[in-house]
């Protein structure tokens, strides 16, 4: 791996948004199924059967949405009503009437009628804000994990199983620090990788400097620190990003990567493989 100084402009030029859609394929299919339901005043067993037709799990998800029950609570209720023999697709296929009777006992037809004929009110706006507020925090967690998965996939391709993730490693003088990836293990690792992705500005973008400094202070001088980051919000926090680039220029961080720099990241990992071979 060739030593070279990076610039703030280079890193910013390689940034890309880390978009996370709150809706996955299952949610999209469930919404489509719900949209197709006819609007009626009264619902019964045939309507519940239609809900469970096709993809059973998606249908059961829709039933949970009508009943406002969590997955765990729904499963507990079904086990209580159906007894031994399972509560999944096979049970429904073998005993459809008993299964529909259990859903009837949970008042699913009434819940369907209430929800489908419901007239929206102002509080629905606040519910949506809750989704975009607290829900966005959950999306932020997924965004960070997605970037970690990206980095881990590169490490796994080069080093196989000779690495550990999300650990506290021991370095010089028994000093320790947390990191996202340590190669080949957490005891005096030769390669340390820290990963941080951002979709919104905030203090966490400053906190990462402290996290990196803790790693720098703990790791052996013959180890390599690689930093993987991304997110367009760095453009609003260039002062913090500049401090990180300065650490790279000082040799404290070997290289900074973004998802657009995948090939460079992979190539550098291959060039560092000799450290643990």
C-alpha atoms as a PDB file:
ATOM      1  CA  UNK A   1       0.000   0.000   0.000  1.00  0.00           C
ATOM      2  CA  UNK A   2       1.583   3.275  -1.152  1.00  0.00           C
ATOM      3  CA  UNK A   3       1.754   6.117   1.347  1.00  0.00           C
ATOM      4  CA  UNK A   4       0.272   9.384   0.094  1.00  0.00           C
ATOM      5  CA  UNK A   5      -1.490  12.387   1.517  1.00  0.00           C
ATOM      6  CA  UNK A   6      -5.165  12.820   0.785  1.00  0.00           C
ATOM      7  CA  UNK A   7      -6.896  16.173   0.479  1.00  0.00           C
ATOM      8  CA  UNK A   8     -10.163  17.430   1.873  1.00  0.00           C
ATOM      9  CA  UNK A   9     -11.367  18.053  -1.697  1.00  0.00           C
ATOM     10  CA  UNK A  10     -10.582  14.468  -2.694  1.00  0.00           C
ATOM     11  CA  UNK A  11     -12.603  12.986   0.156  1.00  0.00           C
ATOM     12  CA  UNK A  12     -15.539  15.365  -0.391  1.00  0.00           C
ATOM     13  CA  UNK A  13     -15.481  14.611  -4.104  1.00  0.00           C
ATOM     14  CA  UNK A  14     -15.971  10.907  -3.379  1.00  0.00           C
ATOM     15  CA  UNK A  15     -18.883  11.302  -0.964  1.00  0.00           C
ATOM     16  CA  UNK A  16     -22.268   9.840  -1.781  1.00  0.00           C
ATOM     17  CA  UNK A  17     -25.598   9.775   0.090  1.00  0.00           C
ATOM     18  CA  UNK A  18     -26.256   6.784   2.319  1.00  0.00           C
ATOM     19  CA  UNK A  19     -29.965   6.563   1.636  1.00  0.00           C
ATOM     20  CA  UNK A  20     -31.977   3.981   3.552  1.00  0.00           C
ATOM     21  CA  UNK A  21     -35.538   3.300   2.531  1.00  0.00           C
ATOM     22  CA  UNK A  22     -37.707   2.477   5.546  1.00  0.00           C
ATOM     23  CA  UNK A  23     -39.817   0.303   3.267  1.00  0.00           C
ATOM     24  CA  UNK A  24     -38.479  -3.133   2.345  1.00  0.00           C
ATOM     25  CA  UNK A  25     -40.018  -5.584  -0.119  1.00  0.00           C
ATOM     26  CA  UNK A  26     -42.246  -7.209   2.495  1.00  0.00           C
ATOM     27  CA  UNK A  27     -43.652  -3.836   3.571  1.00  0.00           C
ATOM     28  CA  UNK A  28     -44.259  -2.814  -0.046  1.00  0.00           C
ATOM     29  CA  UNK A  29     -46.082  -6.080  -0.785  1.00  0.00           C
ATOM     30  CA  UNK A  30     -48.152  -5.752   2.384  1.00  0.00           C
ATOM     31  CA  UNK A  31     -49.194  -2.229   1.411  1.00  0.00           C
ATOM     32  CA  UNK A  32     -50.153  -3.456  -2.053  1.00  0.00           C
ATOM     33  CA  UNK A  33     -52.237  -6.230  -0.513  1.00  0.00           C
ATOM     34  CA  UNK A  34     -53.972  -3.816   1.835  1.00  0.00           C
ATOM     35  CA  UNK A  35     -54.673  -1.363  -0.986  1.00  0.00           C
ATOM     36  CA  UNK A  36     -56.454  -4.091  -2.961  1.00  0.00           C
ATOM     37  CA  UNK A  37     -58.886  -4.914  -0.163  1.00  0.00           C
ATOM     38  CA  UNK A  38     -62.476  -3.921  -0.963  1.00  0.00           C
ATOM     39  CA  UNK A  39     -64.136  -1.348   1.239  1.00  0.00           C
ATOM     40  CA  UNK A  40     -67.128  -2.846   3.045  1.00  0.00           C
ATOM     41  CA  UNK A  41     -69.024  -2.249   6.252  1.00  0.00           C
ATOM     42  CA  UNK A  42     -68.754  -5.845   7.419  1.00  0.00           C
ATOM     43  CA  UNK A  43     -65.967  -8.417   6.963  1.00  0.00           C
ATOM     44  CA  UNK A  44     -65.981 -12.156   7.597  1.00  0.00           C
ATOM     45  CA  UNK A  45     -64.053 -15.379   7.116  1.00  0.00           C
ATOM     46  CA  UNK A  46     -63.901 -15.168   3.302  1.00  0.00           C
ATOM     47  CA  UNK A  47     -62.227 -11.755   3.632  1.00  0.00           C
ATOM     48  CA  UNK A  48     -59.697 -13.109   6.128  1.00  0.00           C
ATOM     49  CA  UNK A  49     -59.019 -16.019   3.789  1.00  0.00           C
ATOM     50  CA  UNK A  50     -58.395 -13.557   0.943  1.00  0.00           C
ATOM     51  CA  UNK A  51     -55.983 -11.671   3.198  1.00  0.00           C
ATOM     52  CA  UNK A  52     -53.975 -14.854   3.826  1.00  0.00           C
ATOM     53  CA  UNK A  53     -54.096 -15.977   0.184  1.00  0.00           C
ATOM     54  CA  UNK A  54     -50.882 -15.822  -1.808  1.00  0.00           C
ATOM     55  CA  UNK A  55     -47.970 -15.040   0.499  1.00  0.00           C
ATOM     56  CA  UNK A  56     -49.161 -16.253   3.902  1.00  0.00           C
ATOM     57  CA  UNK A  57     -46.547 -14.324   5.927  1.00  0.00           C
ATOM     58  CA  UNK A  58     -47.451 -11.051   4.223  1.00  0.00           C
ATOM     59  CA  UNK A  59     -51.110 -11.748   4.887  1.00  0.00           C
ATOM     60  CA  UNK A  60     -50.429 -12.441   8.539  1.00  0.00           C
ATOM     61  CA  UNK A  61     -48.434  -9.202   8.707  1.00  0.00           C
ATOM     62  CA  UNK A  62     -51.495  -7.360   7.390  1.00  0.00           C
ATOM     63  CA  UNK A  63     -53.616  -9.073  10.061  1.00  0.00           C
ATOM     64  CA  UNK A  64     -51.167  -7.866  12.725  1.00  0.00           C
ATOM     65  CA  UNK A  65     -51.400  -4.344  11.350  1.00  0.00           C
ATOM     66  CA  UNK A  66     -55.189  -4.392  11.608  1.00  0.00           C
ATOM     67  CA  UNK A  67     -55.000  -5.763  15.155  1.00  0.00           C
ATOM     68  CA  UNK A  68     -52.125  -3.458  16.162  1.00  0.00           C
ATOM     69  CA  UNK A  69     -50.264  -6.397  17.673  1.00  0.00           C
ATOM     70  CA  UNK A  70     -46.526  -6.983  17.750  1.00  0.00           C
ATOM     71  CA  UNK A  71     -45.152 -10.140  16.176  1.00  0.00           C
ATOM     72  CA  UNK A  72     -44.476 -11.702  19.582  1.00  0.00           C
ATOM     73  CA  UNK A  73     -47.931 -10.855  20.939  1.00  0.00           C
ATOM     74  CA  UNK A  74     -49.651 -12.141  17.797  1.00  0.00           C
ATOM     75  CA  UNK A  75     -47.773 -15.421  17.988  1.00  0.00           C
ATOM     76  CA  UNK A  76     -48.622 -15.839  21.679  1.00  0.00           C
ATOM     77  CA  UNK A  77     -52.311 -15.190  21.009  1.00  0.00           C
ATOM     78  CA  UNK A  78     -52.416 -17.689  18.136  1.00  0.00           C
ATOM     79  CA  UNK A  79     -50.640 -20.375  20.175  1.00  0.00           C
ATOM     80  CA  UNK A  80     -53.120 -19.853  22.992  1.00  0.00           C
ATOM     81  CA  UNK A  81     -56.101 -20.177  20.648  1.00  0.00           C
ATOM     82  CA  UNK A  82     -54.796 -22.929  18.349  1.00  0.00           C
ATOM     83  CA  UNK A  83     -52.983 -25.085  20.885  1.00  0.00           C
ATOM     84  CA  UNK A  84     -50.261 -27.516  19.839  1.00  0.00           C
ATOM     85  CA  UNK A  85     -49.378 -27.941  16.169  1.00  0.00           C
ATOM     86  CA  UNK A  86     -47.745 -24.685  15.095  1.00  0.00           C
ATOM     87  CA  UNK A  87     -49.147 -21.338  13.992  1.00  0.00           C
ATOM     88  CA  UNK A  88     -47.610 -20.909  10.542  1.00  0.00           C
ATOM     89  CA  UNK A  89     -48.560 -21.586   6.943  1.00  0.00           C
ATOM     90  CA  UNK A  90     -48.637 -25.391   7.325  1.00  0.00           C
ATOM     91  CA  UNK A  91     -51.073 -25.134  10.231  1.00  0.00           C
ATOM     92  CA  UNK A  92     -53.291 -22.818   8.212  1.00  0.00           C
ATOM     93  CA  UNK A  93     -53.223 -25.148   5.214  1.00  0.00           C
ATOM     94  CA  UNK A  94     -54.060 -28.207   7.329  1.00  0.00           C
ATOM     95  CA  UNK A  95     -56.720 -26.529   9.494  1.00  0.00           C
ATOM     96  CA  UNK A  96     -57.959 -23.421   7.659  1.00  0.00           C
ATOM     97  CA  UNK A  97     -61.305 -23.164   9.469  1.00  0.00           C
ATOM     98  CA  UNK A  98     -59.733 -23.500  12.911  1.00  0.00           C
ATOM     99  CA  UNK A  99     -57.157 -20.880  11.975  1.00  0.00           C
ATOM    100  CA  UNK A 100     -59.788 -18.455  10.690  1.00  0.00           C
ATOM    101  CA  UNK A 101     -61.843 -19.091  13.824  1.00  0.00           C
ATOM    102  CA  UNK A 102     -58.833 -18.072  15.928  1.00  0.00           C
ATOM    103  CA  UNK A 103     -58.471 -14.855  13.943  1.00  0.00           C
ATOM    104  CA  UNK A 104     -62.191 -14.295  14.398  1.00  0.00           C
ATOM    105  CA  UNK A 105     -61.684 -14.706  18.142  1.00  0.00           C
ATOM    106  CA  UNK A 106     -59.053 -11.961  17.960  1.00  0.00           C
ATOM    107  CA  UNK A 107     -61.722  -9.719  16.352  1.00  0.00           C
ATOM    108  CA  UNK A 108     -59.864  -9.401  13.046  1.00  0.00           C
ATOM    109  CA  UNK A 109     -63.051  -8.827  10.975  1.00  0.00           C
ATOM    110  CA  UNK A 110     -64.073  -5.970  13.262  1.00  0.00           C
ATOM    111  CA  UNK A 111     -60.573  -4.500  13.149  1.00  0.00           C
ATOM    112  CA  UNK A 112     -60.618  -4.656   9.343  1.00  0.00           C
ATOM    113  CA  UNK A 113     -63.954  -2.864   9.203  1.00  0.00           C
ATOM    114  CA  UNK A 114     -62.817  -0.189  11.656  1.00  0.00           C
ATOM    115  CA  UNK A 115     -59.521   0.490   9.880  1.00  0.00           C
ATOM    116  CA  UNK A 116     -60.755   0.387   6.297  1.00  0.00           C
ATOM    117  CA  UNK A 117     -63.690   2.678   6.991  1.00  0.00           C
ATOM    118  CA  UNK A 118     -61.668   5.049   9.139  1.00  0.00           C
ATOM    119  CA  UNK A 119     -61.703   8.758   8.236  1.00  0.00           C
ATOM    120  CA  UNK A 120     -58.265  10.387   8.740  1.00  0.00           C
ATOM    121  CA  UNK A 121     -57.939  13.113  11.376  1.00  0.00           C
ATOM    122  CA  UNK A 122     -55.265  15.662  12.316  1.00  0.00           C
ATOM    123  CA  UNK A 123     -53.476  13.271  14.691  1.00  0.00           C
ATOM    124  CA  UNK A 124     -52.472  11.135  11.720  1.00  0.00           C
ATOM    125  CA  UNK A 125     -50.046  13.911  10.804  1.00  0.00           C
ATOM    126  CA  UNK A 126     -48.355  13.554  14.203  1.00  0.00           C
ATOM    127  CA  UNK A 127     -48.150   9.805  13.769  1.00  0.00           C
ATOM    128  CA  UNK A 128     -46.363  10.361  10.476  1.00  0.00           C
ATOM    129  CA  UNK A 129     -44.000  12.797  12.180  1.00  0.00           C
ATOM    130  CA  UNK A 130     -43.262  10.128  14.770  1.00  0.00           C
ATOM    131  CA  UNK A 131     -42.334   7.748  11.968  1.00  0.00           C
ATOM    132  CA  UNK A 132     -40.086  10.295  10.310  1.00  0.00           C
ATOM    133  CA  UNK A 133     -38.581  11.351  13.662  1.00  0.00           C
ATOM    134  CA  UNK A 134     -37.979   8.253  15.748  1.00  0.00           C
ATOM    135  CA  UNK A 135     -38.173   6.191  12.585  1.00  0.00           C
ATOM    136  CA  UNK A 136     -35.348   8.190  11.057  1.00  0.00           C
ATOM    137  CA  UNK A 137     -33.188   7.332  14.061  1.00  0.00           C
ATOM    138  CA  UNK A 138     -33.813   3.679  13.353  1.00  0.00           C
ATOM    139  CA  UNK A 139     -32.935   4.314   9.707  1.00  0.00           C
ATOM    140  CA  UNK A 140     -29.702   5.933  10.889  1.00  0.00           C
ATOM    141  CA  UNK A 141     -28.790   2.740  12.707  1.00  0.00           C
ATOM    142  CA  UNK A 142     -29.458   0.756   9.547  1.00  0.00           C
ATOM    143  CA  UNK A 143     -27.422   3.249   7.513  1.00  0.00           C
ATOM    144  CA  UNK A 144     -24.403   2.808   9.754  1.00  0.00           C
ATOM    145  CA  UNK A 145     -24.741  -0.951   9.750  1.00  0.00           C
ATOM    146  CA  UNK A 146     -24.997  -0.950   5.952  1.00  0.00           C
ATOM    147  CA  UNK A 147     -21.623   0.799   5.671  1.00  0.00           C
ATOM    148  CA  UNK A 148     -20.150  -1.625   8.204  1.00  0.00           C
ATOM    149  CA  UNK A 149     -21.422  -4.512   6.078  1.00  0.00           C
ATOM    150  CA  UNK A 150     -19.777  -2.910   3.024  1.00  0.00           C
ATOM    151  CA  UNK A 151     -16.416  -2.719   4.800  1.00  0.00           C
ATOM    152  CA  UNK A 152     -16.693  -6.199   6.262  1.00  0.00           C
ATOM    153  CA  UNK A 153     -17.443  -7.696   2.852  1.00  0.00           C
ATOM    154  CA  UNK A 154     -14.170  -6.251   1.526  1.00  0.00           C
ATOM    155  CA  UNK A 155     -12.221  -7.551   4.534  1.00  0.00           C
ATOM    156  CA  UNK A 156     -13.779 -10.985   4.259  1.00  0.00           C
ATOM    157  CA  UNK A 157     -12.890 -11.205   0.575  1.00  0.00           C
ATOM    158  CA  UNK A 158      -9.213 -10.594   1.333  1.00  0.00           C
ATOM    159  CA  UNK A 159      -8.672 -12.107   4.783  1.00  0.00           C
ATOM    160  CA  UNK A 160     -11.315 -14.820   4.948  1.00  0.00           C
ATOM    161  CA  UNK A 161     -12.157 -15.445   8.593  1.00  0.00           C
ATOM    162  CA  UNK A 162      -9.028 -13.820  10.028  1.00  0.00           C
ATOM    163  CA  UNK A 163     -10.736 -10.769  11.500  1.00  0.00           C
ATOM    164  CA  UNK A 164     -13.149  -9.757  14.255  1.00  0.00           C
ATOM    165  CA  UNK A 165     -15.844  -7.087  14.172  1.00  0.00           C
ATOM    166  CA  UNK A 166     -17.183  -4.539  16.663  1.00  0.00           C
ATOM    167  CA  UNK A 167     -14.647  -5.308  19.357  1.00  0.00           C
ATOM    168  CA  UNK A 168     -12.311  -3.732  21.883  1.00  0.00           C
ATOM    169  CA  UNK A 169      -8.740  -4.397  20.833  1.00  0.00           C
ATOM    170  CA  UNK A 170      -5.579  -4.378  22.933  1.00  0.00           C
ATOM    171  CA  UNK A 171      -2.631  -2.385  21.635  1.00  0.00           C
ATOM    172  CA  UNK A 172       0.582  -0.883  22.939  1.00  0.00           C
ATOM    173  CA  UNK A 173       1.170  -0.943  26.698  1.00  0.00           C
ATOM    174  CA  UNK A 174      -2.092  -2.848  27.194  1.00  0.00           C
ATOM    175  CA  UNK A 175      -4.025   0.244  26.069  1.00  0.00           C
ATOM    176  CA  UNK A 176      -7.360  -0.580  24.463  1.00  0.00           C
ATOM    177  CA  UNK A 177      -9.941   1.041  22.211  1.00  0.00           C
ATOM    178  CA  UNK A 178     -13.106   0.100  20.373  1.00  0.00           C
ATOM    179  CA  UNK A 179     -13.094  -0.463  16.623  1.00  0.00           C
ATOM    180  CA  UNK A 180     -15.350  -1.888  13.956  1.00  0.00           C
ATOM    181  CA  UNK A 181     -12.875  -4.356  12.424  1.00  0.00           C
ATOM    182  CA  UNK A 182      -9.579  -5.764  13.744  1.00  0.00           C
ATOM    183  CA  UNK A 183      -7.338  -7.953  11.572  1.00  0.00           C
ATOM    184  CA  UNK A 184      -6.391 -10.709  12.332  1.00  0.00           C
ATOM    185  CA  UNK A 185      -7.697 -10.520  15.924  1.00  0.00           C
ATOM    186  CA  UNK A 186      -8.244  -8.157  18.844  1.00  0.00           C
ATOM    187  CA  UNK A 187      -4.829  -8.825  20.411  1.00  0.00           C
ATOM    188  CA  UNK A 188      -2.385  -6.289  18.922  1.00  0.00           C
ATOM    189  CA  UNK A 189      -4.105  -6.240  15.493  1.00  0.00           C
ATOM    190  CA  UNK A 190      -2.014  -5.271  12.481  1.00  0.00           C
ATOM    191  CA  UNK A 191      -4.946  -3.605  10.680  1.00  0.00           C
ATOM    192  CA  UNK A 192      -7.670  -1.602  12.441  1.00  0.00           C
ATOM    193  CA  UNK A 193     -10.695  -0.322  10.537  1.00  0.00           C
ATOM    194  CA  UNK A 194     -13.187   2.228  11.830  1.00  0.00           C
ATOM    195  CA  UNK A 195     -16.468   2.742   9.947  1.00  0.00           C
ATOM    196  CA  UNK A 196     -18.907   5.645  10.267  1.00  0.00           C
ATOM    197  CA  UNK A 197     -21.731   6.634   7.907  1.00  0.00           C
ATOM    198  CA  UNK A 198     -23.911   9.710   8.295  1.00  0.00           C
ATOM    199  CA  UNK A 199     -27.255  10.789   6.929  1.00  0.00           C
ATOM    200  CA  UNK A 200     -27.747  13.820   9.162  1.00  0.00           C
ATOM    201  CA  UNK A 201     -25.473  16.391  10.733  1.00  0.00           C
ATOM    202  CA  UNK A 202     -24.904  16.434  14.472  1.00  0.00           C
ATOM    203  CA  UNK A 203     -22.460  16.044  17.328  1.00  0.00           C
ATOM    204  CA  UNK A 204     -21.713  12.454  16.341  1.00  0.00           C
ATOM    205  CA  UNK A 205     -19.740  13.805  13.392  1.00  0.00           C
ATOM    206  CA  UNK A 206     -17.447  15.523  15.879  1.00  0.00           C
ATOM    207  CA  UNK A 207     -17.403  12.573  18.257  1.00  0.00           C
ATOM    208  CA  UNK A 208     -15.785  10.355  15.620  1.00  0.00           C
ATOM    209  CA  UNK A 209     -12.581  12.418  15.946  1.00  0.00           C
ATOM    210  CA  UNK A 210     -12.329  11.363  19.578  1.00  0.00           C
ATOM    211  CA  UNK A 211     -13.016   7.751  18.601  1.00  0.00           C
ATOM    212  CA  UNK A 212     -10.253   7.844  16.000  1.00  0.00           C
ATOM    213  CA  UNK A 213      -7.818   9.467  18.444  1.00  0.00           C
ATOM    214  CA  UNK A 214      -8.539   6.733  20.986  1.00  0.00           C
ATOM    215  CA  UNK A 215      -7.660   4.121  18.358  1.00  0.00           C
ATOM    216  CA  UNK A 216      -4.530   6.034  17.307  1.00  0.00           C
ATOM    217  CA  UNK A 217      -3.323   6.232  20.908  1.00  0.00           C
ATOM    218  CA  UNK A 218      -3.952   2.543  21.582  1.00  0.00           C
ATOM    219  CA  UNK A 219      -2.711   0.846  18.411  1.00  0.00           C
ATOM    220  CA  UNK A 220       0.855  -0.317  17.819  1.00  0.00           C
ATOM    221  CA  UNK A 221       3.021   1.931  15.661  1.00  0.00           C
ATOM    222  CA  UNK A 222       3.458  -0.884  13.124  1.00  0.00           C
ATOM    223  CA  UNK A 223      -0.308  -1.194  12.642  1.00  0.00           C
ATOM    224  CA  UNK A 224      -2.450   0.429   9.979  1.00  0.00           C
ATOM    225  CA  UNK A 225      -5.614   2.421  10.665  1.00  0.00           C
ATOM    226  CA  UNK A 226      -8.130   2.663   7.830  1.00  0.00           C
ATOM    227  CA  UNK A 227     -11.205   4.880   8.075  1.00  0.00           C
ATOM    228  CA  UNK A 228     -14.328   4.172   6.010  1.00  0.00           C
ATOM    229  CA  UNK A 229     -17.000   6.867   5.931  1.00  0.00           C
ATOM    230  CA  UNK A 230     -19.674   8.343   3.692  1.00  0.00           C
ATOM    231  CA  UNK A 231     -22.700  10.607   3.613  1.00  0.00           C
ATOM    232  CA  UNK A 232     -23.297  13.933   1.892  1.00  0.00           C
ATOM    233  CA  UNK A 233     -23.755  15.650   5.266  1.00  0.00           C
ATOM    234  CA  UNK A 234     -19.956  15.769   5.611  1.00  0.00           C
ATOM    235  CA  UNK A 235     -20.184  18.736   3.235  1.00  0.00           C
ATOM    236  CA  UNK A 236     -21.850  20.640   6.073  1.00  0.00           C
ATOM    237  CA  UNK A 237     -19.173  19.584   8.558  1.00  0.00           C
ATOM    238  CA  UNK A 238     -16.017  20.170   6.535  1.00  0.00           C
ATOM    239  CA  UNK A 239     -14.192  21.521   9.605  1.00  0.00           C
ATOM    240  CA  UNK A 240     -14.526  18.135  11.298  1.00  0.00           C
ATOM    241  CA  UNK A 241     -13.676  16.263   8.115  1.00  0.00           C
ATOM    242  CA  UNK A 242     -10.629  18.482   7.657  1.00  0.00           C
ATOM    243  CA  UNK A 243      -9.329  17.400  11.075  1.00  0.00           C
ATOM    244  CA  UNK A 244      -9.636  13.780  10.023  1.00  0.00           C
ATOM    245  CA  UNK A 245      -7.818  14.475   6.751  1.00  0.00           C
ATOM    246  CA  UNK A 246      -5.068  16.211   8.751  1.00  0.00           C
ATOM    247  CA  UNK A 247      -4.612  13.027  10.776  1.00  0.00           C
ATOM    248  CA  UNK A 248      -4.258  11.128   7.513  1.00  0.00           C
ATOM    249  CA  UNK A 249      -1.667  13.594   6.266  1.00  0.00           C
ATOM    250  CA  UNK A 250       0.222  13.197   9.562  1.00  0.00           C
ATOM    251  CA  UNK A 251       0.340   9.419   9.065  1.00  0.00           C
ATOM    252  CA  UNK A 252      -1.955   8.666  12.008  1.00  0.00           C
ATOM    253  CA  UNK A 253      -4.616   7.342   9.629  1.00  0.00           C
ATOM    254  CA  UNK A 254      -3.300   5.362   6.676  1.00  0.00           C
ATOM    255  CA  UNK A 255      -6.208   6.071   4.327  1.00  0.00           C
ATOM    256  CA  UNK A 256      -9.762   7.411   4.247  1.00  0.00           C
ATOM    257  CA  UNK A 257     -12.281   5.636   1.995  1.00  0.00           C
ATOM    258  CA  UNK A 258     -15.869   6.109   0.825  1.00  0.00           C
ATOM    259  CA  UNK A 259     -18.134   3.646  -0.953  1.00  0.00           C
ATOM    260  CA  UNK A 260     -17.122   5.184  -4.281  1.00  0.00           C
ATOM    261  CA  UNK A 261     -13.540   4.182  -3.467  1.00  0.00           C
ATOM    262  CA  UNK A 262     -14.403   0.475  -3.235  1.00  0.00           C
ATOM    263  CA  UNK A 263     -11.754  -0.699  -5.712  1.00  0.00           C
ATOM    264  CA  UNK A 264      -9.024   1.352  -4.041  1.00  0.00           C
ATOM    265  CA  UNK A 265     -10.057   0.010  -0.635  1.00  0.00           C
ATOM    266  CA  UNK A 266      -9.996  -3.568  -1.889  1.00  0.00           C
ATOM    267  CA  UNK A 267      -6.642  -3.089  -3.620  1.00  0.00           C
ATOM    268  CA  UNK A 268      -5.087  -1.632  -0.476  1.00  0.00           C
ATOM    269  CA  UNK A 269      -6.381  -4.507   1.647  1.00  0.00           C
ATOM    270  CA  UNK A 270      -4.732  -6.951  -0.769  1.00  0.00           C
ATOM    271  CA  UNK A 271      -1.460  -5.030  -0.520  1.00  0.00           C
ATOM    272  CA  UNK A 272      -1.623  -5.212   3.280  1.00  0.00           C
ATOM    273  CA  UNK A 273      -2.331  -8.924   3.370  1.00  0.00           C
ATOM    274  CA  UNK A 274       1.371  -9.728   3.815  1.00  0.00           C
ATOM    275  CA  UNK A 275       1.191  -8.261   7.310  1.00  0.00           C
ATOM    276  CA  UNK A 276      -0.658 -11.308   8.626  1.00  0.00           C
ATOM    277  CA  UNK A 277       0.406 -14.030   6.147  1.00  0.00           C
END
